[in-house]
Amino acid sequence: MSKERARRRAERLAVLEKEKAARARRVARRDGLRSFRRRITPRFGRNGRLYHRSRRQRAGIVVVTLLAIAAVWTFIPELALRVILTALIVLAVPALVVVVLGRRSS
């Protein structure tokens, strides 16, 4: 009887050790992934943005972009050229904003 209890206890302990090792591996993997994500994500300022533009600047960017697109669609007769120029404006606006207004940290 005593040998049987000892054998069952040893089996229980072996199972518990296996579960504990698996749990430790999961925790280590989760912590590693968490630290990796923390390393690769950019640091934000106080308000949660990478940089800050005033409401006036953002409105100006939108208005100038819409005026440029409206001018293209008003003065350019060919549809294909309109679409290409509109796509070019949409793609070029972020670069132009950084060049003209600069990149300010918050």
PDB file of N, CA and C in Angstrom:
ATOM      1  N   MET A   1       0.824  -1.198   0.000  1.00  0.00           N
ATOM      2  CA  MET A   1       0.000   0.000   0.000  1.00  0.00           C
ATOM      3  C   MET A   1       0.866   1.259   0.000  1.00  0.00           C
ATOM      4  N   SER A   2       1.884   1.279   0.812  1.00  0.00           N
ATOM      5  CA  SER A   2       2.749   2.443   0.905  1.00  0.00           C
ATOM      6  C   SER A   2       3.487   2.667  -0.410  1.00  0.00           C
ATOM      7  N   LYS A   3       3.922   1.587  -1.050  1.00  0.00           N
ATOM      8  CA  LYS A   3       4.626   1.726  -2.322  1.00  0.00           C
ATOM      9  C   LYS A   3       3.677   2.260  -3.393  1.00  0.00           C
ATOM     10  N   GLU A   4       2.450   1.843  -3.361  1.00  0.00           N
ATOM     11  CA  GLU A   4       1.465   2.305  -4.338  1.00  0.00           C
ATOM     12  C   GLU A   4       1.200   3.807  -4.175  1.00  0.00           C
ATOM     13  N   ARG A   5       1.049   4.266  -2.937  1.00  0.00           N
ATOM     14  CA  ARG A   5       0.851   5.705  -2.688  1.00  0.00           C
ATOM     15  C   ARG A   5       2.061   6.513  -3.138  1.00  0.00           C
ATOM     16  N   ALA A   6       3.233   6.011  -2.869  1.00  0.00           N
ATOM     17  CA  ALA A   6       4.456   6.705  -3.273  1.00  0.00           C
ATOM     18  C   ALA A   6       4.537   6.791  -4.803  1.00  0.00           C
ATOM     19  N   ARG A   7       4.153   5.716  -5.481  1.00  0.00           N
ATOM     20  CA  ARG A   7       4.183   5.717  -6.943  1.00  0.00           C
ATOM     21  C   ARG A   7       3.187   6.738  -7.511  1.00  0.00           C
ATOM     22  N   ARG A   8       1.963   6.760  -6.949  1.00  0.00           N
ATOM     23  CA  ARG A   8       0.966   7.726  -7.413  1.00  0.00           C
ATOM     24  C   ARG A   8       1.392   9.153  -7.129  1.00  0.00           C
ATOM     25  N   ARG A   9       1.966   9.370  -5.944  1.00  0.00           N
ATOM     26  CA  ARG A   9       2.462  10.711  -5.614  1.00  0.00           C
ATOM     27  C   ARG A   9       3.559  11.120  -6.586  1.00  0.00           C
ATOM     28  N   ALA A  10       4.449  10.205  -6.919  1.00  0.00           N
ATOM     29  CA  ALA A  10       5.520  10.500  -7.873  1.00  0.00           C
ATOM     30  C   ALA A  10       4.934  10.832  -9.240  1.00  0.00           C
ATOM     31  N   GLU A  11       3.906  10.122  -9.663  1.00  0.00           N
ATOM     32  CA  GLU A  11       3.252  10.414 -10.938  1.00  0.00           C
ATOM     33  C   GLU A  11       2.611  11.805 -10.911  1.00  0.00           C
ATOM     34  N   ARG A  12       1.919  12.092  -9.789  1.00  0.00           N
ATOM     35  CA  ARG A  12       1.288  13.423  -9.656  1.00  0.00           C
ATOM     36  C   ARG A  12       2.337  14.519  -9.709  1.00  0.00           C
ATOM     37  N   LEU A  13       3.439  14.319  -8.988  1.00  0.00           N
ATOM     38  CA  LEU A  13       4.502  15.326  -8.977  1.00  0.00           C
ATOM     39  C   LEU A  13       5.113  15.488 -10.372  1.00  0.00           C
ATOM     40  N   ALA A  14       5.262  14.390 -11.100  1.00  0.00           N
ATOM     41  CA  ALA A  14       5.817  14.473 -12.457  1.00  0.00           C
ATOM     42  C   ALA A  14       4.887  15.264 -13.367  1.00  0.00           C
ATOM     43  N   VAL A  15       3.584  15.019 -13.254  1.00  0.00           N
ATOM     44  CA  VAL A  15       2.613  15.762 -14.060  1.00  0.00           C
ATOM     45  C   VAL A  15       2.635  17.239 -13.686  1.00  0.00           C
ATOM     46  N   LEU A  16       2.678  17.528 -12.383  1.00  0.00           N
ATOM     47  CA  LEU A  16       2.724  18.930 -11.942  1.00  0.00           C
ATOM     48  C   LEU A  16       3.985  19.622 -12.450  1.00  0.00           C
ATOM     49  N   GLU A  17       5.106  18.944 -12.409  1.00  0.00           N
ATOM     50  CA  GLU A  17       6.361  19.533 -12.904  1.00  0.00           C
ATOM     51  C   GLU A  17       6.273  19.815 -14.403  1.00  0.00           C
ATOM     52  N   LYS A  18       5.664  18.893 -15.146  1.00  0.00           N
ATOM     53  CA  LYS A  18       5.500  19.090 -16.581  1.00  0.00           C
ATOM     54  C   LYS A  18       4.629  20.313 -16.857  1.00  0.00           C
ATOM     55  N   GLU A  19       3.510  20.422 -16.118  1.00  0.00           N
ATOM     56  CA  GLU A  19       2.609  21.573 -16.297  1.00  0.00           C
ATOM     57  C   GLU A  19       3.300  22.864 -15.906  1.00  0.00           C
ATOM     58  N   LYS A  20       4.071  22.822 -14.823  1.00  0.00           N
ATOM     59  CA  LYS A  20       4.785  24.010 -14.375  1.00  0.00           C
ATOM     60  C   LYS A  20       5.809  24.457 -15.422  1.00  0.00           C
ATOM     61  N   ALA A  21       6.510  23.509 -16.033  1.00  0.00           N
ATOM     62  CA  ALA A  21       7.491  23.842 -17.067  1.00  0.00           C
ATOM     63  C   ALA A  21       6.798  24.436 -18.295  1.00  0.00           C
ATOM     64  N   ALA A  22       5.663  23.856 -18.679  1.00  0.00           N
ATOM     65  CA  ALA A  22       4.924  24.378 -19.832  1.00  0.00           C
ATOM     66  C   ALA A  22       4.422  25.794 -19.545  1.00  0.00           C
ATOM     67  N   ARG A  23       3.914  26.008 -18.349  1.00  0.00           N
ATOM     68  CA  ARG A  23       3.441  27.337 -17.966  1.00  0.00           C
ATOM     69  C   ARG A  23       4.589  28.331 -17.964  1.00  0.00           C
ATOM     70  N   ALA A  24       5.749  27.921 -17.472  1.00  0.00           N
ATOM     71  CA  ALA A  24       6.921  28.806 -17.461  1.00  0.00           C
ATOM     72  C   ALA A  24       7.344  29.158 -18.890  1.00  0.00           C
ATOM     73  N   ARG A  25       7.284  28.181 -19.801  1.00  0.00           N
ATOM     74  CA  ARG A  25       7.628  28.469 -21.200  1.00  0.00           C
ATOM     75  C   ARG A  25       6.648  29.465 -21.812  1.00  0.00           C
ATOM     76  N   ARG A  26       5.340  29.284 -21.517  1.00  0.00           N
ATOM     77  CA  ARG A  26       4.341  30.225 -22.044  1.00  0.00           C
ATOM     78  C   ARG A  26       4.573  31.633 -21.502  1.00  0.00           C
ATOM     79  N   VAL A  27       4.843  31.721 -20.215  1.00  0.00           N
ATOM     80  CA  VAL A  27       5.063  33.037 -19.601  1.00  0.00           C
ATOM     81  C   VAL A  27       6.318  33.687 -20.180  1.00  0.00           C
ATOM     82  N   ALA A  28       7.380  32.908 -20.351  1.00  0.00           N
ATOM     83  CA  ALA A  28       8.616  33.457 -20.908  1.00  0.00           C
ATOM     84  C   ALA A  28       8.394  33.934 -22.333  1.00  0.00           C
ATOM     85  N   ARG A  29       7.661  33.163 -23.117  1.00  0.00           N
ATOM     86  CA  ARG A  29       7.379  33.561 -24.498  1.00  0.00           C
ATOM     87  C   ARG A  29       6.539  34.835 -24.526  1.00  0.00           C
ATOM     88  N   ARG A  30       5.508  34.901 -23.681  1.00  0.00           N
ATOM     89  CA  ARG A  30       4.653  36.090 -23.629  1.00  0.00           C
ATOM     90  C   ARG A  30       5.453  37.323 -23.213  1.00  0.00           C
ATOM     91  N   ASP A  31       6.309  37.158 -22.202  1.00  0.00           N
ATOM     92  CA  ASP A  31       7.129  38.296 -21.764  1.00  0.00           C
ATOM     93  C   ASP A  31       8.113  38.721 -22.843  1.00  0.00           C
ATOM     94  N   GLY A  32       8.681  37.753 -23.544  1.00  0.00           N
ATOM     95  CA  GLY A  32       9.596  38.090 -24.635  1.00  0.00           C
ATOM     96  C   GLY A  32       8.896  38.847 -25.744  1.00  0.00           C
ATOM     97  N   LEU A  33       7.702  38.380 -26.111  1.00  0.00           N
ATOM     98  CA  LEU A  33       6.939  39.082 -27.148  1.00  0.00           C
ATOM     99  C   LEU A  33       6.545  40.486 -26.686  1.00  0.00           C
ATOM    100  N   ARG A  34       6.169  40.585 -25.430  1.00  0.00           N
ATOM    101  CA  ARG A  34       5.778  41.892 -24.894  1.00  0.00           C
ATOM    102  C   ARG A  34       6.950  42.873 -24.930  1.00  0.00           C
ATOM    103  N   SER A  35       8.131  42.409 -24.524  1.00  0.00           N
ATOM    104  CA  SER A  35       9.299  43.299 -24.540  1.00  0.00           C
ATOM    105  C   SER A  35       9.701  43.632 -25.982  1.00  0.00           C
ATOM    106  N   PHE A  36       9.554  42.670 -26.908  1.00  0.00           N
ATOM    107  CA  PHE A  36       9.860  42.945 -28.315  1.00  0.00           C
ATOM    108  C   PHE A  36       8.927  44.011 -28.862  1.00  0.00           C
ATOM    109  N   ARG A  37       7.620  43.874 -28.568  1.00  0.00           N
ATOM    110  CA  ARG A  37       6.666  44.889 -29.025  1.00  0.00           C
ATOM    111  C   ARG A  37       6.983  46.256 -28.446  1.00  0.00           C
ATOM    112  N   ARG A  38       7.368  46.283 -27.180  1.00  0.00           N
ATOM    113  CA  ARG A  38       7.707  47.546 -26.539  1.00  0.00           C
ATOM    114  C   ARG A  38       8.916  48.191 -27.206  1.00  0.00           C
ATOM    115  N   ARG A  39       9.875  47.362 -27.639  1.00  0.00           N
ATOM    116  CA  ARG A  39      11.074  47.900 -28.290  1.00  0.00           C
ATOM    117  C   ARG A  39      10.780  48.456 -29.664  1.00  0.00           C
ATOM    118  N   ILE A  40       9.883  47.818 -30.416  1.00  0.00           N
ATOM    119  CA  ILE A  40       9.680  48.255 -31.800  1.00  0.00           C
ATOM    120  C   ILE A  40       8.619  49.338 -31.946  1.00  0.00           C
ATOM    121  N   THR A  41       7.753  49.530 -30.955  1.00  0.00           N
ATOM    122  CA  THR A  41       6.741  50.575 -31.094  1.00  0.00           C
ATOM    123  C   THR A  41       7.356  51.934 -30.790  1.00  0.00           C
ATOM    124  N   PRO A  42       6.961  52.951 -31.554  1.00  0.00           N
ATOM    125  CA  PRO A  42       7.525  54.280 -31.324  1.00  0.00           C
ATOM    126  C   PRO A  42       7.033  54.875 -30.015  1.00  0.00           C
ATOM    127  N   ARG A  43       7.837  55.740 -29.461  1.00  0.00           N
ATOM    128  CA  ARG A  43       7.471  56.433 -28.225  1.00  0.00           C
ATOM    129  C   ARG A  43       6.574  57.618 -28.570  1.00  0.00           C
ATOM    130  N   PHE A  44       5.500  57.771 -27.837  1.00  0.00           N
ATOM    131  CA  PHE A  44       4.560  58.853 -28.091  1.00  0.00           C
ATOM    132  C   PHE A  44       4.763  59.981 -27.086  1.00  0.00           C
ATOM    133  N   GLY A  45       4.283  61.152 -27.485  1.00  0.00           N
ATOM    134  CA  GLY A  45       4.348  62.298 -26.602  1.00  0.00           C
ATOM    135  C   GLY A  45       3.233  62.248 -25.568  1.00  0.00           C
ATOM    136  N   ARG A  46       2.971  63.352 -24.953  1.00  0.00           N
ATOM    137  CA  ARG A  46       1.962  63.404 -23.886  1.00  0.00           C
ATOM    138  C   ARG A  46       0.559  63.079 -24.377  1.00  0.00           C
ATOM    139  N   ASN A  47       0.241  63.569 -25.578  1.00  0.00           N
ATOM    140  CA  ASN A  47      -1.122  63.399 -26.067  1.00  0.00           C
ATOM    141  C   ASN A  47      -1.301  62.131 -26.888  1.00  0.00           C
ATOM    142  N   GLY A  48      -0.288  61.284 -26.992  1.00  0.00           N
ATOM    143  CA  GLY A  48      -0.426  60.028 -27.693  1.00  0.00           C
ATOM    144  C   GLY A  48      -0.100  60.094 -29.166  1.00  0.00           C
ATOM    145  N   ARG A  49       0.335  61.231 -29.672  1.00  0.00           N
ATOM    146  CA  ARG A  49       0.687  61.362 -31.081  1.00  0.00           C
ATOM    147  C   ARG A  49       2.194  61.411 -31.234  1.00  0.00           C
ATOM    148  N   LEU A  50       2.664  61.024 -32.411  1.00  0.00           N
ATOM    149  CA  LEU A  50       4.095  61.123 -32.685  1.00  0.00           C
ATOM    150  C   LEU A  50       4.521  62.581 -32.816  1.00  0.00           C
ATOM    151  N   TYR A  51       3.705  63.378 -33.445  1.00  0.00           N
ATOM    152  CA  TYR A  51       3.988  64.796 -33.577  1.00  0.00           C
ATOM    153  C   TYR A  51       2.672  65.551 -33.541  1.00  0.00           C
ATOM    154  N   HIS A  52       2.738  66.844 -33.404  1.00  0.00           N
ATOM    155  CA  HIS A  52       1.521  67.627 -33.213  1.00  0.00           C
ATOM    156  C   HIS A  52       1.423  68.705 -34.281  1.00  0.00           C
ATOM    157  N   ARG A  53       0.282  68.794 -34.880  1.00  0.00           N
ATOM    158  CA  ARG A  53      -0.030  69.900 -35.780  1.00  0.00           C
ATOM    159  C   ARG A  53      -1.244  70.606 -35.184  1.00  0.00           C
ATOM    160  N   SER A  54      -1.237  71.908 -35.277  1.00  0.00           N
ATOM    161  CA  SER A  54      -2.378  72.643 -34.746  1.00  0.00           C
ATOM    162  C   SER A  54      -3.596  72.393 -35.631  1.00  0.00           C
ATOM    163  N   ARG A  55      -4.744  72.697 -35.105  1.00  0.00           N
ATOM    164  CA  ARG A  55      -5.988  72.517 -35.852  1.00  0.00           C
ATOM    165  C   ARG A  55      -5.964  73.379 -37.114  1.00  0.00           C
ATOM    166  N   ARG A  56      -5.392  74.543 -36.997  1.00  0.00           N
ATOM    167  CA  ARG A  56      -5.293  75.451 -38.130  1.00  0.00           C
ATOM    168  C   ARG A  56      -4.399  74.870 -39.233  1.00  0.00           C
ATOM    169  N   GLN A  57      -3.276  74.281 -38.827  1.00  0.00           N
ATOM    170  CA  GLN A  57      -2.388  73.672 -39.819  1.00  0.00           C
ATOM    171  C   GLN A  57      -3.058  72.487 -40.513  1.00  0.00           C
ATOM    172  N   ARG A  58      -3.717  71.644 -39.734  1.00  0.00           N
ATOM    173  CA  ARG A  58      -4.403  70.495 -40.335  1.00  0.00           C
ATOM    174  C   ARG A  58      -5.483  70.945 -41.297  1.00  0.00           C
ATOM    175  N   ALA A  59      -6.243  71.976 -40.922  1.00  0.00           N
ATOM    176  CA  ALA A  59      -7.278  72.504 -41.806  1.00  0.00           C
ATOM    177  C   ALA A  59      -6.654  73.075 -43.075  1.00  0.00           C
ATOM    178  N   GLY A  60      -5.544  73.762 -42.930  1.00  0.00           N
ATOM    179  CA  GLY A  60      -4.851  74.316 -44.100  1.00  0.00           C
ATOM    180  C   GLY A  60      -4.365  73.234 -45.039  1.00  0.00           C
ATOM    181  N   ILE A  61      -3.837  72.159 -44.475  1.00  0.00           N
ATOM    182  CA  ILE A  61      -3.368  71.041 -45.301  1.00  0.00           C
ATOM    183  C   ILE A  61      -4.533  70.457 -46.098  1.00  0.00           C
ATOM    184  N   VAL A  62      -5.658  70.242 -45.440  1.00  0.00           N
ATOM    185  CA  VAL A  62      -6.824  69.662 -46.114  1.00  0.00           C
ATOM    186  C   VAL A  62      -7.358  70.606 -47.179  1.00  0.00           C
ATOM    187  N   VAL A  63      -7.459  71.894 -46.865  1.00  0.00           N
ATOM    188  CA  VAL A  63      -8.017  72.862 -47.822  1.00  0.00           C
ATOM    189  C   VAL A  63      -7.116  72.985 -49.048  1.00  0.00           C
ATOM    190  N   VAL A  64      -5.810  73.092 -48.838  1.00  0.00           N
ATOM    191  CA  VAL A  64      -4.892  73.221 -49.973  1.00  0.00           C
ATOM    192  C   VAL A  64      -4.935  71.968 -50.842  1.00  0.00           C
ATOM    193  N   THR A  65      -4.999  70.813 -50.203  1.00  0.00           N
ATOM    194  CA  THR A  65      -5.068  69.558 -50.961  1.00  0.00           C
ATOM    195  C   THR A  65      -6.359  69.503 -51.782  1.00  0.00           C
ATOM    196  N   LEU A  66      -7.472  69.830 -51.159  1.00  0.00           N
ATOM    197  CA  LEU A  66      -8.744  69.805 -51.890  1.00  0.00           C
ATOM    198  C   LEU A  66      -8.779  70.835 -53.015  1.00  0.00           C
ATOM    199  N   LEU A  67      -8.175  72.013 -52.788  1.00  0.00           N
ATOM    200  CA  LEU A  67      -8.111  73.017 -53.859  1.00  0.00           C
ATOM    201  C   LEU A  67      -7.268  72.526 -55.029  1.00  0.00           C
ATOM    202  N   ALA A  68      -6.152  71.866 -54.723  1.00  0.00           N
ATOM    203  CA  ALA A  68      -5.306  71.335 -55.792  1.00  0.00           C
ATOM    204  C   ALA A  68      -6.047  70.263 -56.581  1.00  0.00           C
ATOM    205  N   ILE A  69      -6.756  69.391 -55.886  1.00  0.00           N
ATOM    206  CA  ILE A  69      -7.521  68.346 -56.582  1.00  0.00           C
ATOM    207  C   ILE A  69      -8.650  68.961 -57.406  1.00  0.00           C
ATOM    208  N   ALA A  70      -9.313  69.977 -56.851  1.00  0.00           N
ATOM    209  CA  ALA A  70     -10.383  70.655 -57.599  1.00  0.00           C
ATOM    210  C   ALA A  70      -9.817  71.338 -58.843  1.00  0.00           C
ATOM    211  N   ALA A  71      -8.641  71.948 -58.721  1.00  0.00           N
ATOM    212  CA  ALA A  71      -8.022  72.585 -59.891  1.00  0.00           C
ATOM    213  C   ALA A  71      -7.692  71.552 -60.963  1.00  0.00           C
ATOM    214  N   VAL A  72      -7.186  70.420 -60.554  1.00  0.00           N
ATOM    215  CA  VAL A  72      -6.875  69.361 -61.522  1.00  0.00           C
ATOM    216  C   VAL A  72      -8.142  68.923 -62.236  1.00  0.00           C
ATOM    217  N   TRP A  73      -9.194  68.674 -61.486  1.00  0.00           N
ATOM    218  CA  TRP A  73     -10.424  68.170 -62.099  1.00  0.00           C
ATOM    219  C   TRP A  73     -11.141  69.261 -62.904  1.00  0.00           C
ATOM    220  N   THR A  74     -10.839  70.528 -62.643  1.00  0.00           N
ATOM    221  CA  THR A  74     -11.463  71.614 -63.391  1.00  0.00           C
ATOM    222  C   THR A  74     -10.722  71.907 -64.688  1.00  0.00           C
ATOM    223  N   PHE A  75      -9.397  71.946 -64.638  1.00  0.00           N
ATOM    224  CA  PHE A  75      -8.617  72.424 -65.774  1.00  0.00           C
ATOM    225  C   PHE A  75      -8.018  71.326 -66.659  1.00  0.00           C
ATOM    226  N   ILE A  76      -8.012  70.105 -66.239  1.00  0.00           N
ATOM    227  CA  ILE A  76      -7.430  69.023 -67.031  1.00  0.00           C
ATOM    228  C   ILE A  76      -8.565  68.267 -67.734  1.00  0.00           C
ATOM    229  N   PRO A  77      -8.546  68.197 -69.067  1.00  0.00           N
ATOM    230  CA  PRO A  77      -9.667  67.579 -69.780  1.00  0.00           C
ATOM    231  C   PRO A  77      -9.659  66.044 -69.794  1.00  0.00           C
ATOM    232  N   GLU A  78      -8.471  65.405 -69.837  1.00  0.00           N
ATOM    233  CA  GLU A  78      -8.424  63.941 -69.960  1.00  0.00           C
ATOM    234  C   GLU A  78      -8.635  63.275 -68.603  1.00  0.00           C
ATOM    235  N   LEU A  79      -9.495  62.276 -68.580  1.00  0.00           N
ATOM    236  CA  LEU A  79      -9.833  61.582 -67.331  1.00  0.00           C
ATOM    237  C   LEU A  79      -8.634  60.830 -66.756  1.00  0.00           C
ATOM    238  N   ALA A  80      -7.891  60.146 -67.597  1.00  0.00           N
ATOM    239  CA  ALA A  80      -6.742  59.369 -67.114  1.00  0.00           C
ATOM    240  C   ALA A  80      -5.717  60.285 -66.447  1.00  0.00           C
ATOM    241  N   LEU A  81      -5.444  61.425 -67.054  1.00  0.00           N
ATOM    242  CA  LEU A  81      -4.492  62.376 -66.477  1.00  0.00           C
ATOM    243  C   LEU A  81      -5.022  62.947 -65.161  1.00  0.00           C
ATOM    244  N   ARG A  82      -6.331  63.180 -65.081  1.00  0.00           N
ATOM    245  CA  ARG A  82      -6.927  63.652 -63.822  1.00  0.00           C
ATOM    246  C   ARG A  82      -6.682  62.656 -62.691  1.00  0.00           C
ATOM    247  N   VAL A  83      -6.962  61.390 -62.979  1.00  0.00           N
ATOM    248  CA  VAL A  83      -6.809  60.350 -61.959  1.00  0.00           C
ATOM    249  C   VAL A  83      -5.355  60.239 -61.533  1.00  0.00           C
ATOM    250  N   ILE A  84      -4.441  60.257 -62.496  1.00  0.00           N
ATOM    251  CA  ILE A  84      -3.008  60.149 -62.175  1.00  0.00           C
ATOM    252  C   ILE A  84      -2.561  61.331 -61.333  1.00  0.00           C
ATOM    253  N   LEU A  85      -2.948  62.536 -61.723  1.00  0.00           N
ATOM    254  CA  LEU A  85      -2.541  63.726 -60.955  1.00  0.00           C
ATOM    255  C   LEU A  85      -3.165  63.740 -59.564  1.00  0.00           C
ATOM    256  N   THR A  86      -4.402  63.280 -59.447  1.00  0.00           N
ATOM    257  CA  THR A  86      -5.036  63.199 -58.129  1.00  0.00           C
ATOM    258  C   THR A  86      -4.282  62.229 -57.230  1.00  0.00           C
ATOM    259  N   ALA A  87      -3.929  61.069 -57.765  1.00  0.00           N
ATOM    260  CA  ALA A  87      -3.149  60.094 -56.979  1.00  0.00           C
ATOM    261  C   ALA A  87      -1.797  60.666 -56.610  1.00  0.00           C
ATOM    262  N   LEU A  88      -1.157  61.377 -57.528  1.00  0.00           N
ATOM    263  CA  LEU A  88       0.143  61.985 -57.244  1.00  0.00           C
ATOM    264  C   LEU A  88       0.035  63.029 -56.134  1.00  0.00           C
ATOM    265  N   ILE A  89      -1.016  63.826 -56.164  1.00  0.00           N
ATOM    266  CA  ILE A  89      -1.218  64.833 -55.120  1.00  0.00           C
ATOM    267  C   ILE A  89      -1.415  64.156 -53.766  1.00  0.00           C
ATOM    268  N   VAL A  90      -2.258  63.136 -53.742  1.00  0.00           N
ATOM    269  CA  VAL A  90      -2.537  62.442 -52.477  1.00  0.00           C
ATOM    270  C   VAL A  90      -1.274  61.792 -51.921  1.00  0.00           C
ATOM    271  N   LEU A  91      -0.443  61.254 -52.788  1.00  0.00           N
ATOM    272  CA  LEU A  91       0.789  60.618 -52.323  1.00  0.00           C
ATOM    273  C   LEU A  91       1.871  61.627 -51.945  1.00  0.00           C
ATOM    274  N   ALA A  92       1.866  62.796 -52.594  1.00  0.00           N
ATOM    275  CA  ALA A  92       2.929  63.769 -52.354  1.00  0.00           C
ATOM    276  C   ALA A  92       2.635  64.704 -51.183  1.00  0.00           C
ATOM    277  N   VAL A  93       1.391  64.830 -50.786  1.00  0.00           N
ATOM    278  CA  VAL A  93       1.036  65.780 -49.722  1.00  0.00           C
ATOM    279  C   VAL A  93       1.773  65.508 -48.404  1.00  0.00           C
ATOM    280  N   PRO A  94       1.855  64.278 -47.909  1.00  0.00           N
ATOM    281  CA  PRO A  94       2.571  64.078 -46.644  1.00  0.00           C
ATOM    282  C   PRO A  94       4.031  64.508 -46.703  1.00  0.00           C
ATOM    283  N   ALA A  95       4.709  64.211 -47.801  1.00  0.00           N
ATOM    284  CA  ALA A  95       6.110  64.623 -47.924  1.00  0.00           C
ATOM    285  C   ALA A  95       6.223  66.138 -47.986  1.00  0.00           C
ATOM    286  N   LEU A  96       5.345  66.781 -48.737  1.00  0.00           N
ATOM    287  CA  LEU A  96       5.380  68.242 -48.823  1.00  0.00           C
ATOM    288  C   LEU A  96       5.073  68.900 -47.480  1.00  0.00           C
ATOM    289  N   VAL A  97       4.167  68.321 -46.723  1.00  0.00           N
ATOM    290  CA  VAL A  97       3.835  68.872 -45.407  1.00  0.00           C
ATOM    291  C   VAL A  97       5.066  68.828 -44.498  1.00  0.00           C
ATOM    292  N   VAL A  98       5.784  67.718 -44.521  1.00  0.00           N
ATOM    293  CA  VAL A  98       6.978  67.608 -43.674  1.00  0.00           C
ATOM    294  C   VAL A  98       8.039  68.590 -44.129  1.00  0.00           C
ATOM    295  N   VAL A  99       8.216  68.748 -45.451  1.00  0.00           N
ATOM    296  CA  VAL A  99       9.234  69.669 -45.963  1.00  0.00           C
ATOM    297  C   VAL A  99       8.866  71.112 -45.641  1.00  0.00           C
ATOM    298  N   VAL A 100       7.626  71.465 -45.874  1.00  0.00           N
ATOM    299  CA  VAL A 100       7.205  72.875 -45.693  1.00  0.00           C
ATOM    300  C   VAL A 100       7.029  73.227 -44.223  1.00  0.00           C
ATOM    301  N   LEU A 101       6.312  72.410 -43.484  1.00  0.00           N
ATOM    302  CA  LEU A 101       6.013  72.757 -42.097  1.00  0.00           C
ATOM    303  C   LEU A 101       7.029  72.205 -41.104  1.00  0.00           C
ATOM    304  N   GLY A 102       7.842  71.281 -41.520  1.00  0.00           N
ATOM    305  CA  GLY A 102       8.824  70.705 -40.606  1.00  0.00           C
ATOM    306  C   GLY A 102       8.165  69.709 -39.662  1.00  0.00           C
ATOM    307  N   ARG A 103       9.018  68.974 -38.984  1.00  0.00           N
ATOM    308  CA  ARG A 103       8.513  67.956 -38.057  1.00  0.00           C
ATOM    309  C   ARG A 103       8.798  68.469 -36.638  1.00  0.00           C
ATOM    310  N   ARG A 104       7.737  68.792 -35.941  1.00  0.00           N
ATOM    311  CA  ARG A 104       7.865  69.269 -34.563  1.00  0.00           C
ATOM    312  C   ARG A 104       7.507  68.167 -33.613  1.00  0.00           C
ATOM    313  N   SER A 105       8.302  68.004 -32.579  1.00  0.00           N
ATOM    314  CA  SER A 105       7.914  67.019 -31.562  1.00  0.00           C
ATOM    315  C   SER A 105       6.957  67.681 -30.600  1.00  0.00           C
ATOM    316  N   SER A 106       6.102  66.873 -29.983  1.00  0.00           N
ATOM    317  CA  SER A 106       5.082  67.443 -29.094  1.00  0.00           C
ATOM    318  C   SER A 106       5.638  67.773 -27.742  1.00  0.00           C
TER     319      SER A 106
END
